[in-house]
Amino acid sequence: MDHGTRQDSGGLQRQVMDSAQRQPFDLAERGTHGYHRKQVDQFMARARVAYEGGGGLRAADIRHLSFDAVKGGYRADQVDDVLDRLEDALARSERERRIEAEGEDAWQARVQASVDVLRGRLDRPDGERFRRPARGRDASYDRAEVDALCHRLSARFDRRPGERGLAADDLRRAVFAPGAGTDGYDEAQVDAYLDAAIDVLTVLD
């Protein structure tokens, strides 16, 4: 397993921050929605301060970030690309600090334990991996689409070194059709599970 080096992670973070500062995001096309410019600018300023050692920022903070959608905002795809790369860089730095503090063997054992927990749900039969919503009006995802992604995630954990498989970005970009009443999977539970899976894939990739 290639863990990289602290210099590599620091270099990636610096490239991300320099790119965001040097190249302002394009605006969404006329009549379409983009991310609220002031909110994005404020966050990037916070990220710059954190990068320079003036405040804490974790990979999980990036993943749970949201901006208002407004007309005349920044192009979402460009902002998302920078945020994804920043999340990866922060995850690598966090991984390296854990390895330094705990040791390589303890860190690998921690990651394997996380994989084992995720596998417990992946090993369930199709249609039974997540709970159903209690009420028909509660938000839910199409079960077949979620199960299909779960099959890909299971294959990713089984892959051999050098094989290309599901990546953290694939989970970040996953979109599911809404479930039909109580026949879908509970949206909040699926989202929480995918967050945990992203945490694992960012340190495995």
N, C-alpha and C. Protein backbone atom coordinates (compact mmCIF):
# COMPACT_ATOMS: atom_id res chain seq x y z
N MET A 1 0.85 -1.19 0.00
CA MET A 1 0.00 0.00 0.00
C MET A 1 0.89 1.24 0.00
N ASP A 2 0.70 2.12 -0.94
CA ASP A 2 1.53 3.31 -1.05
C ASP A 2 0.90 4.44 -0.26
N HIS A 3 1.60 4.87 0.80
CA HIS A 3 1.06 5.92 1.65
C HIS A 3 1.52 7.30 1.26
N GLY A 4 2.45 7.42 0.35
CA GLY A 4 2.96 8.75 -0.02
C GLY A 4 3.86 9.29 1.07
N THR A 5 4.13 10.60 1.00
CA THR A 5 4.98 11.24 1.98
C THR A 5 4.34 12.54 2.40
N ARG A 6 4.80 13.08 3.54
CA ARG A 6 4.28 14.36 3.99
C ARG A 6 4.55 15.44 2.96
N GLN A 7 5.71 15.41 2.32
CA GLN A 7 6.03 16.40 1.29
C GLN A 7 5.04 16.30 0.13
N ASP A 8 4.68 15.09 -0.26
CA ASP A 8 3.72 14.92 -1.35
C ASP A 8 2.38 15.55 -1.00
N SER A 9 1.88 15.29 0.18
CA SER A 9 0.58 15.84 0.59
C SER A 9 0.64 17.35 0.69
N GLY A 10 1.73 17.85 1.26
CA GLY A 10 1.86 19.30 1.35
C GLY A 10 1.93 19.93 -0.01
N GLY A 11 2.63 19.26 -0.94
CA GLY A 11 2.72 19.79 -2.30
C GLY A 11 1.38 19.81 -3.00
N LEU A 12 0.58 18.77 -2.79
CA LEU A 12 -0.75 18.71 -3.41
C LEU A 12 -1.64 19.81 -2.84
N GLN A 13 -1.61 20.00 -1.52
CA GLN A 13 -2.41 21.06 -0.93
C GLN A 13 -1.99 22.43 -1.48
N ARG A 14 -0.70 22.64 -1.61
CA ARG A 14 -0.21 23.93 -2.11
C ARG A 14 -0.67 24.15 -3.54
N GLN A 15 -0.61 23.11 -4.38
CA GLN A 15 -1.06 23.23 -5.77
C GLN A 15 -2.55 23.57 -5.83
N VAL A 16 -3.34 22.92 -4.98
CA VAL A 16 -4.78 23.18 -4.96
C VAL A 16 -5.05 24.62 -4.56
N MET A 17 -4.42 25.07 -3.48
CA MET A 17 -4.67 26.42 -2.99
C MET A 17 -4.17 27.46 -3.99
N ASP A 18 -3.01 27.24 -4.57
CA ASP A 18 -2.48 28.19 -5.55
C ASP A 18 -3.38 28.27 -6.77
N SER A 19 -3.89 27.11 -7.20
CA SER A 19 -4.77 27.07 -8.37
C SER A 19 -6.05 27.85 -8.11
N ALA A 20 -6.64 27.65 -6.94
CA ALA A 20 -7.89 28.33 -6.61
C ALA A 20 -7.69 29.83 -6.48
N GLN A 21 -6.52 30.24 -5.97
CA GLN A 21 -6.27 31.67 -5.77
C GLN A 21 -5.89 32.35 -7.08
N ARG A 22 -5.17 31.66 -7.94
CA ARG A 22 -4.65 32.28 -9.15
C ARG A 22 -5.70 32.33 -10.26
N GLN A 23 -6.61 31.36 -10.30
CA GLN A 23 -7.57 31.26 -11.40
C GLN A 23 -8.99 31.37 -10.85
N PRO A 24 -9.59 32.56 -10.87
CA PRO A 24 -10.97 32.69 -10.38
C PRO A 24 -11.90 31.74 -11.13
N PHE A 25 -12.92 31.26 -10.45
CA PHE A 25 -13.86 30.34 -11.08
C PHE A 25 -14.69 31.08 -12.12
N ASP A 26 -15.01 30.39 -13.21
CA ASP A 26 -15.90 30.96 -14.22
C ASP A 26 -17.32 31.05 -13.66
N LEU A 27 -18.11 31.95 -14.22
CA LEU A 27 -19.50 32.08 -13.83
C LEU A 27 -20.36 31.09 -14.62
N ALA A 28 -21.43 30.64 -13.99
CA ALA A 28 -22.36 29.75 -14.67
C ALA A 28 -22.97 30.46 -15.88
N GLU A 29 -23.37 29.70 -16.87
CA GLU A 29 -23.95 30.30 -18.07
C GLU A 29 -25.20 31.11 -17.72
N ARG A 30 -25.46 32.08 -18.53
CA ARG A 30 -26.59 32.98 -18.30
C ARG A 30 -27.90 32.18 -18.14
N GLY A 31 -28.63 32.49 -17.09
CA GLY A 31 -29.90 31.82 -16.85
C GLY A 31 -29.79 30.52 -16.09
N THR A 32 -28.56 30.06 -15.80
CA THR A 32 -28.38 28.82 -15.04
C THR A 32 -27.83 29.13 -13.66
N HIS A 33 -27.93 28.16 -12.80
CA HIS A 33 -27.51 28.35 -11.41
C HIS A 33 -26.07 27.89 -11.20
N GLY A 34 -25.42 28.55 -10.28
CA GLY A 34 -24.08 28.18 -9.86
C GLY A 34 -23.97 28.36 -8.36
N TYR A 35 -22.76 28.21 -7.82
CA TYR A 35 -22.56 28.37 -6.39
C TYR A 35 -22.43 29.85 -6.02
N HIS A 36 -23.03 30.20 -4.90
CA HIS A 36 -23.01 31.57 -4.38
C HIS A 36 -21.55 32.05 -4.27
N ARG A 37 -21.24 33.12 -5.00
CA ARG A 37 -19.84 33.55 -5.10
C ARG A 37 -19.25 33.97 -3.76
N LYS A 38 -19.99 34.74 -2.97
CA LYS A 38 -19.45 35.20 -1.70
C LYS A 38 -19.19 34.03 -0.76
N GLN A 39 -20.10 33.05 -0.75
CA GLN A 39 -19.90 31.89 0.12
C GLN A 39 -18.66 31.10 -0.29
N VAL A 40 -18.48 30.92 -1.60
CA VAL A 40 -17.30 30.19 -2.08
C VAL A 40 -16.03 30.97 -1.73
N ASP A 41 -16.04 32.28 -1.98
CA ASP A 41 -14.86 33.10 -1.69
C ASP A 41 -14.51 33.06 -0.21
N GLN A 42 -15.52 33.11 0.64
CA GLN A 42 -15.27 33.07 2.08
C GLN A 42 -14.67 31.74 2.50
N PHE A 43 -15.18 30.65 1.91
CA PHE A 43 -14.63 29.36 2.27
C PHE A 43 -13.19 29.22 1.79
N MET A 44 -12.91 29.66 0.56
CA MET A 44 -11.55 29.54 0.05
C MET A 44 -10.59 30.39 0.89
N ALA A 45 -11.06 31.53 1.41
CA ALA A 45 -10.22 32.33 2.30
C ALA A 45 -9.95 31.56 3.59
N ARG A 46 -10.98 30.87 4.10
CA ARG A 46 -10.80 30.05 5.30
C ARG A 46 -9.82 28.91 5.03
N ALA A 47 -9.94 28.29 3.85
CA ALA A 47 -9.03 27.20 3.50
C ALA A 47 -7.60 27.70 3.40
N ARG A 48 -7.41 28.89 2.86
CA ARG A 48 -6.07 29.46 2.76
C ARG A 48 -5.48 29.67 4.15
N VAL A 49 -6.27 30.20 5.08
CA VAL A 49 -5.79 30.42 6.45
C VAL A 49 -5.42 29.09 7.09
N ALA A 50 -6.27 28.07 6.89
CA ALA A 50 -6.01 26.75 7.46
C ALA A 50 -4.74 26.15 6.87
N TYR A 51 -4.56 26.31 5.56
CA TYR A 51 -3.37 25.78 4.90
C TYR A 51 -2.10 26.43 5.45
N GLU A 52 -2.19 27.71 5.77
CA GLU A 52 -1.03 28.44 6.27
C GLU A 52 -0.85 28.27 7.78
N GLY A 53 -1.65 27.40 8.39
CA GLY A 53 -1.46 27.07 9.80
C GLY A 53 -2.27 27.90 10.76
N GLY A 54 -3.26 28.63 10.25
CA GLY A 54 -4.02 29.51 11.12
C GLY A 54 -5.36 28.96 11.57
N GLY A 55 -5.67 27.72 11.28
CA GLY A 55 -6.96 27.18 11.69
C GLY A 55 -7.15 25.76 11.19
N GLY A 56 -7.97 24.99 11.91
CA GLY A 56 -8.17 23.60 11.55
C GLY A 56 -9.17 23.42 10.43
N LEU A 57 -8.89 22.48 9.55
CA LEU A 57 -9.81 22.13 8.47
C LEU A 57 -9.57 20.66 8.16
N ARG A 58 -10.64 19.87 8.19
CA ARG A 58 -10.52 18.43 7.99
C ARG A 58 -11.16 18.03 6.67
N ALA A 59 -10.78 16.85 6.20
CA ALA A 59 -11.37 16.34 4.96
C ALA A 59 -12.88 16.24 5.09
N ALA A 60 -13.37 15.81 6.24
CA ALA A 60 -14.81 15.68 6.44
C ALA A 60 -15.52 17.02 6.34
N ASP A 61 -14.83 18.10 6.71
CA ASP A 61 -15.44 19.44 6.60
C ASP A 61 -15.71 19.77 5.14
N ILE A 62 -14.82 19.36 4.25
CA ILE A 62 -14.99 19.64 2.83
C ILE A 62 -16.18 18.86 2.29
N ARG A 63 -16.29 17.60 2.67
CA ARG A 63 -17.34 16.75 2.13
C ARG A 63 -18.73 17.23 2.51
N HIS A 64 -18.87 17.80 3.70
CA HIS A 64 -20.18 18.21 4.17
C HIS A 64 -20.46 19.68 3.88
N LEU A 65 -19.61 20.28 3.09
CA LEU A 65 -19.78 21.68 2.73
C LEU A 65 -20.90 21.83 1.69
N SER A 66 -21.66 22.90 1.79
CA SER A 66 -22.68 23.18 0.78
C SER A 66 -22.76 24.69 0.55
N PHE A 67 -23.09 25.06 -0.69
CA PHE A 67 -23.27 26.45 -1.06
C PHE A 67 -24.66 26.64 -1.65
N ASP A 68 -25.20 27.82 -1.48
CA ASP A 68 -26.50 28.11 -2.09
C ASP A 68 -26.36 28.16 -3.60
N ALA A 69 -27.38 27.66 -4.29
CA ALA A 69 -27.42 27.72 -5.75
C ALA A 69 -28.13 29.01 -6.17
N VAL A 70 -27.42 29.84 -6.93
CA VAL A 70 -27.98 31.13 -7.36
C VAL A 70 -27.63 31.36 -8.83
N LYS A 71 -28.43 32.18 -9.49
CA LYS A 71 -28.10 32.57 -10.85
C LYS A 71 -26.91 33.52 -10.83
N GLY A 72 -26.01 33.34 -11.79
CA GLY A 72 -24.81 34.17 -11.82
C GLY A 72 -23.73 33.72 -10.88
N GLY A 73 -23.89 32.52 -10.29
CA GLY A 73 -22.87 32.00 -9.37
C GLY A 73 -21.71 31.36 -10.10
N TYR A 74 -20.75 30.87 -9.33
CA TYR A 74 -19.60 30.17 -9.91
C TYR A 74 -20.03 28.82 -10.48
N ARG A 75 -19.37 28.38 -11.53
CA ARG A 75 -19.63 27.07 -12.10
C ARG A 75 -19.37 25.99 -11.06
N ALA A 76 -20.40 25.17 -10.80
CA ALA A 76 -20.31 24.16 -9.75
C ALA A 76 -19.23 23.12 -10.04
N ASP A 77 -19.08 22.74 -11.32
CA ASP A 77 -18.11 21.69 -11.63
C ASP A 77 -16.68 22.14 -11.32
N GLN A 78 -16.37 23.42 -11.57
CA GLN A 78 -15.02 23.91 -11.30
C GLN A 78 -14.76 23.98 -9.79
N VAL A 79 -15.75 24.46 -9.05
CA VAL A 79 -15.59 24.54 -7.59
C VAL A 79 -15.47 23.14 -7.00
N ASP A 80 -16.33 22.22 -7.47
CA ASP A 80 -16.30 20.85 -6.95
C ASP A 80 -14.95 20.19 -7.21
N ASP A 81 -14.36 20.46 -8.36
CA ASP A 81 -13.07 19.85 -8.69
C ASP A 81 -12.00 20.28 -7.69
N VAL A 82 -11.95 21.57 -7.38
CA VAL A 82 -10.97 22.07 -6.41
C VAL A 82 -11.24 21.49 -5.03
N LEU A 83 -12.52 21.44 -4.63
CA LEU A 83 -12.86 20.92 -3.31
C LEU A 83 -12.52 19.44 -3.19
N ASP A 84 -12.76 18.66 -4.25
CA ASP A 84 -12.43 17.24 -4.22
C ASP A 84 -10.93 17.04 -4.04
N ARG A 85 -10.14 17.82 -4.77
CA ARG A 85 -8.69 17.68 -4.66
C ARG A 85 -8.19 18.13 -3.29
N LEU A 86 -8.83 19.16 -2.74
CA LEU A 86 -8.45 19.62 -1.41
C LEU A 86 -8.81 18.56 -0.36
N GLU A 87 -9.99 17.95 -0.52
CA GLU A 87 -10.38 16.89 0.41
C GLU A 87 -9.38 15.74 0.38
N ASP A 88 -8.96 15.34 -0.82
CA ASP A 88 -7.99 14.26 -0.95
C ASP A 88 -6.67 14.63 -0.27
N ALA A 89 -6.22 15.87 -0.48
CA ALA A 89 -4.96 16.30 0.12
C ALA A 89 -5.04 16.31 1.64
N LEU A 90 -6.16 16.79 2.18
CA LEU A 90 -6.33 16.81 3.62
C LEU A 90 -6.41 15.39 4.18
N ALA A 91 -7.09 14.49 3.45
CA ALA A 91 -7.19 13.10 3.90
C ALA A 91 -5.82 12.45 3.95
N ARG A 92 -4.98 12.74 2.98
CA ARG A 92 -3.63 12.18 2.98
C ARG A 92 -2.83 12.70 4.17
N SER A 93 -2.95 13.99 4.44
CA SER A 93 -2.22 14.57 5.57
C SER A 93 -2.70 13.95 6.89
N GLU A 94 -4.02 13.78 7.02
CA GLU A 94 -4.56 13.17 8.23
C GLU A 94 -4.07 11.74 8.37
N ARG A 95 -4.02 11.02 7.27
CA ARG A 95 -3.53 9.65 7.28
C ARG A 95 -2.08 9.60 7.75
N GLU A 96 -1.26 10.50 7.23
CA GLU A 96 0.16 10.50 7.58
C GLU A 96 0.38 10.84 9.05
N ARG A 97 -0.45 11.75 9.57
CA ARG A 97 -0.32 12.07 10.99
C ARG A 97 -0.70 10.88 11.86
N ARG A 98 -1.73 10.14 11.43
CA ARG A 98 -2.12 8.95 12.20
C ARG A 98 -1.02 7.89 12.17
N ILE A 99 -0.44 7.68 10.99
CA ILE A 99 0.63 6.69 10.87
C ILE A 99 1.81 7.08 11.76
N GLU A 100 2.14 8.37 11.75
CA GLU A 100 3.25 8.85 12.57
C GLU A 100 2.96 8.66 14.05
N ALA A 101 1.71 8.89 14.46
CA ALA A 101 1.36 8.80 15.87
C ALA A 101 1.14 7.36 16.33
N GLU A 102 0.53 6.52 15.47
CA GLU A 102 0.15 5.18 15.88
C GLU A 102 1.08 4.09 15.39
N GLY A 103 1.80 4.36 14.31
CA GLY A 103 2.62 3.32 13.69
C GLY A 103 1.88 2.71 12.51
N GLU A 104 2.64 2.19 11.57
CA GLU A 104 2.06 1.64 10.33
C GLU A 104 1.10 0.49 10.59
N ASP A 105 1.50 -0.46 11.44
CA ASP A 105 0.67 -1.64 11.67
C ASP A 105 -0.66 -1.27 12.32
N ALA A 106 -0.61 -0.38 13.30
CA ALA A 106 -1.84 0.03 13.99
C ALA A 106 -2.76 0.76 13.03
N TRP A 107 -2.18 1.58 12.16
CA TRP A 107 -3.01 2.32 11.21
C TRP A 107 -3.68 1.37 10.22
N GLN A 108 -2.91 0.42 9.70
CA GLN A 108 -3.50 -0.54 8.75
C GLN A 108 -4.59 -1.36 9.42
N ALA A 109 -4.40 -1.71 10.70
CA ALA A 109 -5.42 -2.45 11.42
C ALA A 109 -6.69 -1.61 11.56
N ARG A 110 -6.54 -0.31 11.78
CA ARG A 110 -7.68 0.58 11.90
C ARG A 110 -8.46 0.64 10.58
N VAL A 111 -7.71 0.78 9.47
CA VAL A 111 -8.36 0.84 8.16
C VAL A 111 -9.08 -0.47 7.85
N GLN A 112 -8.42 -1.60 8.14
CA GLN A 112 -9.04 -2.89 7.87
C GLN A 112 -10.31 -3.07 8.70
N ALA A 113 -10.29 -2.58 9.93
CA ALA A 113 -11.48 -2.67 10.77
C ALA A 113 -12.63 -1.87 10.15
N SER A 114 -12.31 -0.72 9.58
CA SER A 114 -13.33 0.09 8.93
C SER A 114 -13.89 -0.63 7.71
N VAL A 115 -13.00 -1.26 6.93
CA VAL A 115 -13.45 -2.02 5.76
C VAL A 115 -14.36 -3.16 6.19
N ASP A 116 -14.01 -3.84 7.26
CA ASP A 116 -14.82 -4.96 7.74
C ASP A 116 -16.22 -4.50 8.14
N VAL A 117 -16.30 -3.33 8.77
CA VAL A 117 -17.60 -2.80 9.16
C VAL A 117 -18.44 -2.50 7.91
N LEU A 118 -17.81 -1.88 6.91
CA LEU A 118 -18.54 -1.58 5.67
C LEU A 118 -18.98 -2.86 4.97
N ARG A 119 -18.13 -3.86 4.99
CA ARG A 119 -18.47 -5.12 4.32
C ARG A 119 -19.69 -5.78 4.97
N GLY A 120 -19.86 -5.58 6.25
CA GLY A 120 -20.99 -6.20 6.93
C GLY A 120 -22.32 -5.83 6.26
N ARG A 121 -22.44 -4.60 5.83
CA ARG A 121 -23.68 -4.20 5.15
C ARG A 121 -23.65 -4.62 3.67
N LEU A 122 -22.48 -4.58 3.05
CA LEU A 122 -22.39 -4.98 1.65
C LEU A 122 -22.76 -6.44 1.45
N ASP A 123 -22.50 -7.26 2.46
CA ASP A 123 -22.77 -8.70 2.35
C ASP A 123 -24.25 -9.04 2.52
N ARG A 124 -25.07 -8.08 2.85
CA ARG A 124 -26.51 -8.35 2.97
C ARG A 124 -27.12 -8.54 1.58
N PRO A 125 -28.26 -9.21 1.50
CA PRO A 125 -28.92 -9.44 0.19
C PRO A 125 -29.41 -8.13 -0.42
N ASP A 126 -29.53 -8.14 -1.73
CA ASP A 126 -30.11 -6.99 -2.42
C ASP A 126 -31.50 -6.71 -1.84
N GLY A 127 -31.78 -5.43 -1.70
CA GLY A 127 -33.08 -5.03 -1.18
C GLY A 127 -33.16 -4.98 0.33
N GLU A 128 -32.07 -5.44 1.01
CA GLU A 128 -32.10 -5.50 2.48
C GLU A 128 -30.89 -4.81 3.12
N ARG A 129 -30.17 -4.00 2.35
CA ARG A 129 -28.94 -3.42 2.89
C ARG A 129 -29.19 -2.23 3.82
N PHE A 130 -30.27 -1.52 3.59
CA PHE A 130 -30.57 -0.35 4.41
C PHE A 130 -32.04 -0.38 4.80
N ARG A 131 -32.37 0.37 5.82
CA ARG A 131 -33.75 0.38 6.30
C ARG A 131 -34.66 1.12 5.32
N ARG A 132 -35.93 0.82 5.39
CA ARG A 132 -36.94 1.50 4.58
C ARG A 132 -37.40 2.76 5.34
N PRO A 133 -37.84 3.78 4.65
CA PRO A 133 -38.37 4.96 5.35
C PRO A 133 -39.65 4.60 6.12
N ALA A 134 -39.84 5.25 7.25
CA ALA A 134 -41.00 4.94 8.08
C ALA A 134 -42.30 5.40 7.44
N ARG A 135 -42.22 6.48 6.66
CA ARG A 135 -43.43 7.03 6.03
C ARG A 135 -43.17 7.23 4.54
N GLY A 136 -44.22 7.14 3.76
CA GLY A 136 -44.10 7.25 2.32
C GLY A 136 -43.54 8.59 1.86
N ARG A 137 -43.74 9.64 2.64
CA ARG A 137 -43.26 10.96 2.22
C ARG A 137 -41.81 11.22 2.64
N ASP A 138 -41.24 10.31 3.41
CA ASP A 138 -39.84 10.48 3.83
C ASP A 138 -38.91 10.26 2.63
N ALA A 139 -37.78 10.99 2.61
CA ALA A 139 -36.83 10.89 1.50
C ALA A 139 -36.20 9.51 1.44
N SER A 140 -36.14 8.97 0.24
CA SER A 140 -35.53 7.64 0.06
C SER A 140 -34.92 7.54 -1.33
N TYR A 141 -34.04 6.52 -1.49
CA TYR A 141 -33.38 6.26 -2.77
C TYR A 141 -33.89 4.95 -3.36
N ASP A 142 -33.83 4.87 -4.68
CA ASP A 142 -34.18 3.64 -5.38
C ASP A 142 -33.27 2.50 -4.93
N ARG A 143 -33.85 1.43 -4.45
CA ARG A 143 -33.06 0.34 -3.89
C ARG A 143 -32.14 -0.31 -4.92
N ALA A 144 -32.63 -0.54 -6.13
CA ALA A 144 -31.83 -1.22 -7.14
C ALA A 144 -30.57 -0.40 -7.48
N GLU A 145 -30.71 0.91 -7.56
CA GLU A 145 -29.56 1.74 -7.89
C GLU A 145 -28.54 1.77 -6.76
N VAL A 146 -29.02 1.82 -5.53
CA VAL A 146 -28.09 1.78 -4.39
C VAL A 146 -27.40 0.43 -4.32
N ASP A 147 -28.15 -0.64 -4.52
CA ASP A 147 -27.55 -1.98 -4.48
C ASP A 147 -26.49 -2.14 -5.57
N ALA A 148 -26.73 -1.57 -6.75
CA ALA A 148 -25.75 -1.67 -7.83
C ALA A 148 -24.44 -0.99 -7.43
N LEU A 149 -24.53 0.16 -6.77
CA LEU A 149 -23.31 0.83 -6.31
C LEU A 149 -22.62 0.02 -5.22
N CYS A 150 -23.41 -0.63 -4.37
CA CYS A 150 -22.84 -1.47 -3.32
C CYS A 150 -22.05 -2.64 -3.91
N HIS A 151 -22.53 -3.19 -5.02
CA HIS A 151 -21.79 -4.27 -5.68
C HIS A 151 -20.44 -3.76 -6.17
N ARG A 152 -20.41 -2.56 -6.71
CA ARG A 152 -19.15 -1.97 -7.18
C ARG A 152 -18.21 -1.70 -6.02
N LEU A 153 -18.75 -1.24 -4.90
CA LEU A 153 -17.91 -0.99 -3.73
C LEU A 153 -17.33 -2.29 -3.19
N SER A 154 -18.14 -3.34 -3.17
CA SER A 154 -17.65 -4.64 -2.72
C SER A 154 -16.51 -5.13 -3.61
N ALA A 155 -16.67 -4.96 -4.93
CA ALA A 155 -15.62 -5.37 -5.86
C ALA A 155 -14.36 -4.54 -5.65
N ARG A 156 -14.52 -3.28 -5.29
CA ARG A 156 -13.36 -2.42 -5.03
C ARG A 156 -12.55 -2.94 -3.86
N PHE A 157 -13.21 -3.40 -2.82
CA PHE A 157 -12.49 -3.94 -1.67
C PHE A 157 -11.81 -5.26 -1.99
N ASP A 158 -12.31 -5.97 -3.01
CA ASP A 158 -11.74 -7.26 -3.40
C ASP A 158 -10.64 -7.15 -4.44
N ARG A 159 -10.42 -5.97 -4.98
CA ARG A 159 -9.51 -5.85 -6.12
C ARG A 159 -8.07 -6.13 -5.71
N ARG A 160 -7.30 -6.56 -6.69
CA ARG A 160 -5.89 -6.84 -6.49
C ARG A 160 -5.06 -5.59 -6.78
N PRO A 161 -3.82 -5.50 -6.22
CA PRO A 161 -2.98 -4.33 -6.47
C PRO A 161 -2.81 -4.08 -7.96
N GLY A 162 -2.95 -2.84 -8.38
CA GLY A 162 -2.79 -2.48 -9.79
C GLY A 162 -4.09 -2.43 -10.56
N GLU A 163 -5.15 -3.05 -10.03
CA GLU A 163 -6.43 -3.02 -10.70
C GLU A 163 -7.14 -1.70 -10.42
N ARG A 164 -7.83 -1.20 -11.42
CA ARG A 164 -8.58 0.04 -11.26
C ARG A 164 -10.01 -0.31 -10.85
N GLY A 165 -10.51 0.38 -9.86
CA GLY A 165 -11.86 0.12 -9.40
C GLY A 165 -12.55 1.38 -8.94
N LEU A 166 -13.61 1.22 -8.22
CA LEU A 166 -14.38 2.34 -7.70
C LEU A 166 -13.48 3.25 -6.87
N ALA A 167 -13.61 4.55 -7.06
CA ALA A 167 -12.81 5.53 -6.33
C ALA A 167 -13.71 6.41 -5.48
N ALA A 168 -13.08 7.16 -4.58
CA ALA A 168 -13.85 8.06 -3.71
C ALA A 168 -14.68 9.04 -4.54
N ASP A 169 -14.13 9.52 -5.64
CA ASP A 169 -14.87 10.47 -6.48
C ASP A 169 -16.16 9.85 -7.03
N ASP A 170 -16.15 8.55 -7.30
CA ASP A 170 -17.36 7.90 -7.80
C ASP A 170 -18.47 7.95 -6.76
N LEU A 171 -18.10 7.82 -5.49
CA LEU A 171 -19.10 7.90 -4.43
C LEU A 171 -19.56 9.34 -4.22
N ARG A 172 -18.64 10.27 -4.35
CA ARG A 172 -19.02 11.68 -4.19
C ARG A 172 -20.03 12.10 -5.25
N ARG A 173 -19.90 11.55 -6.43
CA ARG A 173 -20.73 11.96 -7.56
C ARG A 173 -21.98 11.08 -7.72
N ALA A 174 -22.14 10.10 -6.85
CA ALA A 174 -23.26 9.17 -6.99
C ALA A 174 -24.60 9.90 -6.85
N VAL A 175 -25.50 9.61 -7.77
CA VAL A 175 -26.85 10.17 -7.76
C VAL A 175 -27.84 9.02 -7.94
N PHE A 176 -28.86 9.00 -7.11
CA PHE A 176 -29.86 7.93 -7.19
C PHE A 176 -31.24 8.52 -7.46
N ALA A 177 -32.04 7.76 -8.16
CA ALA A 177 -33.44 8.15 -8.35
C ALA A 177 -34.16 8.02 -7.01
N PRO A 178 -35.19 8.82 -6.79
CA PRO A 178 -35.94 8.71 -5.53
C PRO A 178 -36.66 7.38 -5.44
N GLY A 179 -36.78 6.86 -4.23
CA GLY A 179 -37.52 5.63 -4.03
C GLY A 179 -39.02 5.87 -4.11
N ALA A 180 -39.76 4.81 -4.31
CA ALA A 180 -41.22 4.90 -4.41
C ALA A 180 -41.83 4.66 -3.03
N GLY A 181 -42.22 5.74 -2.36
CA GLY A 181 -42.84 5.61 -1.05
C GLY A 181 -41.92 4.91 -0.06
N THR A 182 -42.45 3.92 0.63
CA THR A 182 -41.66 3.18 1.62
C THR A 182 -40.88 2.04 0.99
N ASP A 183 -40.85 1.97 -0.33
CA ASP A 183 -40.16 0.88 -1.01
C ASP A 183 -38.67 1.18 -1.23
N GLY A 184 -38.24 2.42 -0.99
CA GLY A 184 -36.85 2.77 -1.19
C GLY A 184 -36.01 2.56 0.05
N TYR A 185 -34.75 2.93 -0.05
CA TYR A 185 -33.85 2.91 1.10
C TYR A 185 -33.85 4.29 1.75
N ASP A 186 -33.80 4.32 3.08
CA ASP A 186 -33.77 5.58 3.81
C ASP A 186 -32.58 6.43 3.36
N GLU A 187 -32.87 7.65 2.90
CA GLU A 187 -31.83 8.50 2.32
C GLU A 187 -30.73 8.84 3.33
N ALA A 188 -31.09 9.20 4.54
CA ALA A 188 -30.10 9.61 5.54
C ALA A 188 -29.15 8.46 5.87
N GLN A 189 -29.68 7.24 5.97
CA GLN A 189 -28.82 6.11 6.30
C GLN A 189 -27.85 5.80 5.16
N VAL A 190 -28.34 5.86 3.94
CA VAL A 190 -27.46 5.61 2.79
C VAL A 190 -26.36 6.68 2.73
N ASP A 191 -26.75 7.93 2.90
CA ASP A 191 -25.76 9.02 2.84
C ASP A 191 -24.69 8.86 3.91
N ALA A 192 -25.08 8.48 5.11
CA ALA A 192 -24.12 8.29 6.20
C ALA A 192 -23.16 7.15 5.88
N TYR A 193 -23.70 6.08 5.29
CA TYR A 193 -22.85 4.95 4.92
C TYR A 193 -21.85 5.34 3.84
N LEU A 194 -22.30 6.08 2.83
CA LEU A 194 -21.40 6.50 1.76
C LEU A 194 -20.33 7.45 2.28
N ASP A 195 -20.67 8.29 3.24
CA ASP A 195 -19.66 9.15 3.86
C ASP A 195 -18.55 8.31 4.48
N ALA A 196 -18.94 7.27 5.20
CA ALA A 196 -17.96 6.39 5.84
C ALA A 196 -17.11 5.67 4.79
N ALA A 197 -17.74 5.26 3.68
CA ALA A 197 -17.01 4.58 2.61
C ALA A 197 -16.02 5.54 1.94
N ILE A 198 -16.42 6.79 1.78
CA ILE A 198 -15.49 7.78 1.19
C ILE A 198 -14.28 7.96 2.08
N ASP A 199 -14.50 8.01 3.40
CA ASP A 199 -13.38 8.14 4.34
C ASP A 199 -12.36 7.02 4.11
N VAL A 200 -12.85 5.81 3.88
CA VAL A 200 -11.95 4.67 3.69
C VAL A 200 -11.26 4.74 2.32
N LEU A 201 -12.01 5.04 1.28
CA LEU A 201 -11.42 5.05 -0.06
C LEU A 201 -10.39 6.16 -0.23
N THR A 202 -10.56 7.28 0.45
CA THR A 202 -9.59 8.36 0.30
C THR A 202 -8.22 7.98 0.85
N VAL A 203 -8.17 7.03 1.79
CA VAL A 203 -6.87 6.61 2.31
C VAL A 203 -6.37 5.36 1.60
N LEU A 204 -7.24 4.65 0.91
CA LEU A 204 -6.80 3.47 0.16
C LEU A 204 -6.32 3.82 -1.24
N ASP A 205 -6.91 4.86 -1.86
CA ASP A 205 -6.57 5.22 -3.24
C ASP A 205 -5.18 5.83 -3.33
